Amino acid sequence: MRVTFLGTAAGKPSINRNVTSIAVELVESDYILIDCGEATQHQIMRSNLKFARIHSIYITHLHGDHIYGLPGLLSTLND
C-alpha cells in the first residue's frame, strides 16, 4: 500500500500547498481518493497517478476544502 498526499490542510490552494486530498493505492495500481479539495485534479496530473485508476472516492465530511474539487473531477472522469 502506498499513500500519496495530494494536499494537506491548506485553507485554499496555493503554489506550495493544496487543500485536503489523499490517494491510497490498492492492489494492481488502483487507488481510492480520500477527500477531493479544490485543485485535486492538478495534483493528480503532477503525480504518477492516473485518472482511470481511481477505484472510489470517499468524503470525510462536507466542508468546502474537502469537496470543492469533486464536481470538476467527476466531470473529467465522465469524459
N, C-alpha and C. Protein backbone atom coordinates (compact mmCIF):
# COMPACT_ATOMS: atom_id res chain seq x y z
N MET A 1 0.84 -1.17 0.00
CA MET A 1 0.00 0.00 0.00
C MET A 1 0.89 1.24 0.00
N ARG A 2 0.51 2.22 -0.80
CA ARG A 2 1.25 3.48 -0.86
C ARG A 2 0.26 4.63 -0.67
N VAL A 3 0.64 5.60 0.12
CA VAL A 3 -0.20 6.78 0.37
C VAL A 3 0.45 7.98 -0.29
N THR A 4 -0.32 8.70 -1.08
CA THR A 4 0.16 9.92 -1.73
C THR A 4 -0.66 11.10 -1.22
N PHE A 5 -0.01 12.03 -0.57
CA PHE A 5 -0.69 13.22 -0.07
C PHE A 5 -0.75 14.24 -1.21
N LEU A 6 -1.94 14.43 -1.75
CA LEU A 6 -2.13 15.40 -2.83
C LEU A 6 -2.35 16.80 -2.27
N GLY A 7 -2.76 16.87 -1.03
CA GLY A 7 -2.95 18.14 -0.34
C GLY A 7 -3.21 17.88 1.13
N THR A 8 -2.73 18.78 1.96
CA THR A 8 -2.90 18.59 3.41
C THR A 8 -3.24 19.89 4.10
N ALA A 9 -4.49 20.08 4.38
CA ALA A 9 -4.96 21.09 5.32
C ALA A 9 -4.67 22.54 4.99
N ALA A 10 -4.56 22.90 3.75
CA ALA A 10 -4.48 24.32 3.41
C ALA A 10 -5.90 24.87 3.36
N GLY A 11 -6.08 26.11 3.69
CA GLY A 11 -7.41 26.72 3.62
C GLY A 11 -7.86 26.95 2.20
N LYS A 12 -6.92 27.19 1.31
CA LYS A 12 -7.19 27.36 -0.12
C LYS A 12 -5.95 26.90 -0.88
N PRO A 13 -6.10 26.51 -2.15
CA PRO A 13 -4.94 26.06 -2.91
C PRO A 13 -3.95 27.20 -3.13
N SER A 14 -2.67 26.87 -3.13
CA SER A 14 -1.64 27.85 -3.42
C SER A 14 -0.52 27.15 -4.19
N ILE A 15 0.52 27.86 -4.53
CA ILE A 15 1.64 27.28 -5.26
C ILE A 15 2.29 26.15 -4.46
N ASN A 16 2.43 26.34 -3.16
CA ASN A 16 3.15 25.39 -2.33
C ASN A 16 2.28 24.38 -1.58
N ARG A 17 0.99 24.65 -1.48
CA ARG A 17 0.11 23.76 -0.71
C ARG A 17 -1.21 23.59 -1.43
N ASN A 18 -1.87 22.50 -1.13
CA ASN A 18 -3.19 22.25 -1.71
C ASN A 18 -4.13 21.82 -0.59
N VAL A 19 -5.41 22.01 -0.81
CA VAL A 19 -6.38 21.58 0.18
C VAL A 19 -6.46 20.06 0.23
N THR A 20 -7.16 19.52 1.21
CA THR A 20 -7.10 18.11 1.54
C THR A 20 -7.49 17.17 0.42
N SER A 21 -6.61 16.21 0.15
CA SER A 21 -6.87 15.11 -0.76
C SER A 21 -5.75 14.09 -0.59
N ILE A 22 -6.13 12.83 -0.41
CA ILE A 22 -5.15 11.77 -0.18
C ILE A 22 -5.49 10.59 -1.07
N ALA A 23 -4.49 10.05 -1.77
CA ALA A 23 -4.68 8.86 -2.59
C ALA A 23 -4.03 7.67 -1.89
N VAL A 24 -4.79 6.59 -1.75
CA VAL A 24 -4.27 5.37 -1.14
C VAL A 24 -4.29 4.29 -2.22
N GLU A 25 -3.10 3.89 -2.65
CA GLU A 25 -3.00 2.89 -3.71
C GLU A 25 -3.34 1.50 -3.18
N LEU A 26 -4.10 0.79 -3.97
CA LEU A 26 -4.52 -0.56 -3.65
C LEU A 26 -3.72 -1.54 -4.52
N VAL A 27 -4.19 -2.75 -4.60
CA VAL A 27 -3.54 -3.75 -5.44
C VAL A 27 -3.73 -3.39 -6.92
N GLU A 28 -2.78 -3.74 -7.74
CA GLU A 28 -2.85 -3.55 -9.19
C GLU A 28 -2.97 -2.08 -9.60
N SER A 29 -2.36 -1.18 -8.85
CA SER A 29 -2.25 0.24 -9.18
C SER A 29 -3.55 1.03 -9.11
N ASP A 30 -4.67 0.42 -8.74
CA ASP A 30 -5.88 1.19 -8.49
C ASP A 30 -5.71 1.93 -7.17
N TYR A 31 -6.45 3.00 -6.99
CA TYR A 31 -6.35 3.73 -5.73
C TYR A 31 -7.68 4.34 -5.34
N ILE A 32 -7.84 4.57 -4.05
CA ILE A 32 -9.01 5.29 -3.57
C ILE A 32 -8.57 6.71 -3.25
N LEU A 33 -9.49 7.62 -3.39
CA LEU A 33 -9.24 9.02 -3.10
C LEU A 33 -10.03 9.38 -1.86
N ILE A 34 -9.34 9.89 -0.86
CA ILE A 34 -9.99 10.33 0.37
C ILE A 34 -10.02 11.85 0.35
N ASP A 35 -11.21 12.38 0.24
CA ASP A 35 -11.48 13.81 0.09
C ASP A 35 -11.02 14.29 -1.28
N CYS A 36 -11.61 15.41 -1.69
CA CYS A 36 -11.32 15.92 -3.03
C CYS A 36 -11.42 17.44 -3.00
N GLY A 37 -10.42 18.07 -2.41
CA GLY A 37 -10.39 19.52 -2.33
C GLY A 37 -10.13 20.15 -3.69
N GLU A 38 -10.36 21.43 -3.77
CA GLU A 38 -10.13 22.18 -5.00
C GLU A 38 -8.70 21.97 -5.49
N ALA A 39 -8.52 21.83 -6.79
CA ALA A 39 -7.22 21.63 -7.45
C ALA A 39 -6.66 20.22 -7.29
N THR A 40 -7.48 19.29 -6.82
CA THR A 40 -7.02 17.90 -6.73
C THR A 40 -6.64 17.36 -8.10
N GLN A 41 -7.39 17.75 -9.14
CA GLN A 41 -7.06 17.30 -10.50
C GLN A 41 -5.65 17.70 -10.89
N HIS A 42 -5.26 18.92 -10.58
CA HIS A 42 -3.90 19.37 -10.90
C HIS A 42 -2.85 18.55 -10.16
N GLN A 43 -3.14 18.24 -8.91
CA GLN A 43 -2.19 17.44 -8.13
C GLN A 43 -2.08 16.02 -8.69
N ILE A 44 -3.18 15.45 -9.14
CA ILE A 44 -3.13 14.12 -9.75
C ILE A 44 -2.29 14.16 -11.02
N MET A 45 -2.46 15.21 -11.82
CA MET A 45 -1.68 15.33 -13.06
C MET A 45 -0.19 15.51 -12.78
N ARG A 46 0.16 16.13 -11.66
CA ARG A 46 1.58 16.31 -11.30
C ARG A 46 2.19 15.04 -10.72
N SER A 47 1.35 14.11 -10.28
CA SER A 47 1.85 12.87 -9.67
C SER A 47 1.93 11.77 -10.72
N ASN A 48 2.26 10.58 -10.28
CA ASN A 48 2.30 9.41 -11.17
C ASN A 48 0.95 8.70 -11.24
N LEU A 49 -0.06 9.25 -10.59
CA LEU A 49 -1.38 8.63 -10.57
C LEU A 49 -2.12 8.90 -11.88
N LYS A 50 -3.02 8.01 -12.23
CA LYS A 50 -3.83 8.15 -13.45
C LYS A 50 -5.30 8.24 -13.08
N PHE A 51 -6.03 9.10 -13.78
CA PHE A 51 -7.46 9.25 -13.50
C PHE A 51 -8.21 7.93 -13.67
N ALA A 52 -7.84 7.16 -14.66
CA ALA A 52 -8.53 5.90 -14.95
C ALA A 52 -8.38 4.86 -13.84
N ARG A 53 -7.42 5.07 -12.95
CA ARG A 53 -7.17 4.10 -11.88
C ARG A 53 -7.88 4.42 -10.58
N ILE A 54 -8.71 5.49 -10.57
CA ILE A 54 -9.46 5.81 -9.35
C ILE A 54 -10.53 4.74 -9.15
N HIS A 55 -10.45 4.04 -8.05
CA HIS A 55 -11.41 2.97 -7.74
C HIS A 55 -12.67 3.55 -7.10
N SER A 56 -12.49 4.44 -6.15
CA SER A 56 -13.61 5.07 -5.46
C SER A 56 -13.14 6.34 -4.76
N ILE A 57 -14.11 7.17 -4.41
CA ILE A 57 -13.82 8.44 -3.74
C ILE A 57 -14.62 8.48 -2.44
N TYR A 58 -13.93 8.76 -1.35
CA TYR A 58 -14.57 8.85 -0.03
C TYR A 58 -14.43 10.27 0.49
N ILE A 59 -15.52 10.80 1.01
CA ILE A 59 -15.53 12.15 1.57
C ILE A 59 -15.68 12.04 3.08
N THR A 60 -14.76 12.62 3.83
CA THR A 60 -14.80 12.51 5.29
C THR A 60 -15.88 13.39 5.90
N HIS A 61 -16.06 14.59 5.36
CA HIS A 61 -17.12 15.48 5.81
C HIS A 61 -17.33 16.57 4.77
N LEU A 62 -18.38 17.35 4.93
CA LEU A 62 -18.82 18.24 3.86
C LEU A 62 -18.33 19.68 3.96
N HIS A 63 -17.14 19.90 4.47
CA HIS A 63 -16.55 21.24 4.41
C HIS A 63 -16.03 21.48 3.00
N GLY A 64 -16.07 22.73 2.58
CA GLY A 64 -15.66 23.08 1.22
C GLY A 64 -14.26 22.64 0.85
N ASP A 65 -13.33 22.74 1.81
CA ASP A 65 -11.95 22.37 1.49
C ASP A 65 -11.77 20.87 1.31
N HIS A 66 -12.82 20.09 1.50
CA HIS A 66 -12.77 18.64 1.30
C HIS A 66 -13.59 18.18 0.11
N ILE A 67 -14.44 19.08 -0.47
CA ILE A 67 -15.34 18.63 -1.54
C ILE A 67 -15.37 19.50 -2.79
N TYR A 68 -14.82 20.70 -2.76
CA TYR A 68 -14.99 21.61 -3.90
C TYR A 68 -14.31 21.13 -5.19
N GLY A 69 -13.43 20.18 -5.10
CA GLY A 69 -12.81 19.64 -6.31
C GLY A 69 -13.60 18.50 -6.92
N LEU A 70 -14.63 18.04 -6.22
CA LEU A 70 -15.40 16.88 -6.67
C LEU A 70 -16.16 17.11 -7.98
N PRO A 71 -16.89 18.21 -8.17
CA PRO A 71 -17.61 18.38 -9.44
C PRO A 71 -16.69 18.34 -10.67
N GLY A 72 -15.57 19.02 -10.60
CA GLY A 72 -14.63 19.02 -11.72
C GLY A 72 -14.03 17.65 -11.98
N LEU A 73 -13.67 16.95 -10.91
CA LEU A 73 -13.08 15.62 -11.07
C LEU A 73 -14.10 14.65 -11.66
N LEU A 74 -15.33 14.68 -11.17
CA LEU A 74 -16.37 13.80 -11.70
C LEU A 74 -16.66 14.11 -13.17
N SER A 75 -16.61 15.37 -13.52
CA SER A 75 -16.78 15.75 -14.92
C SER A 75 -15.65 15.20 -15.79
N THR A 76 -14.43 15.28 -15.30
CA THR A 76 -13.28 14.73 -16.03
C THR A 76 -13.42 13.22 -16.18
N LEU A 77 -13.84 12.55 -15.13
CA LEU A 77 -13.98 11.08 -15.17
C LEU A 77 -15.10 10.65 -16.11
N ASN A 78 -16.07 11.53 -16.33
CA ASN A 78 -17.20 11.20 -17.19
C ASN A 78 -16.86 11.31 -18.67
N ASP A 79 -15.78 11.97 -19.02
CA ASP A 79 -15.41 12.14 -20.45
C ASP A 79 -14.99 10.85 -21.08
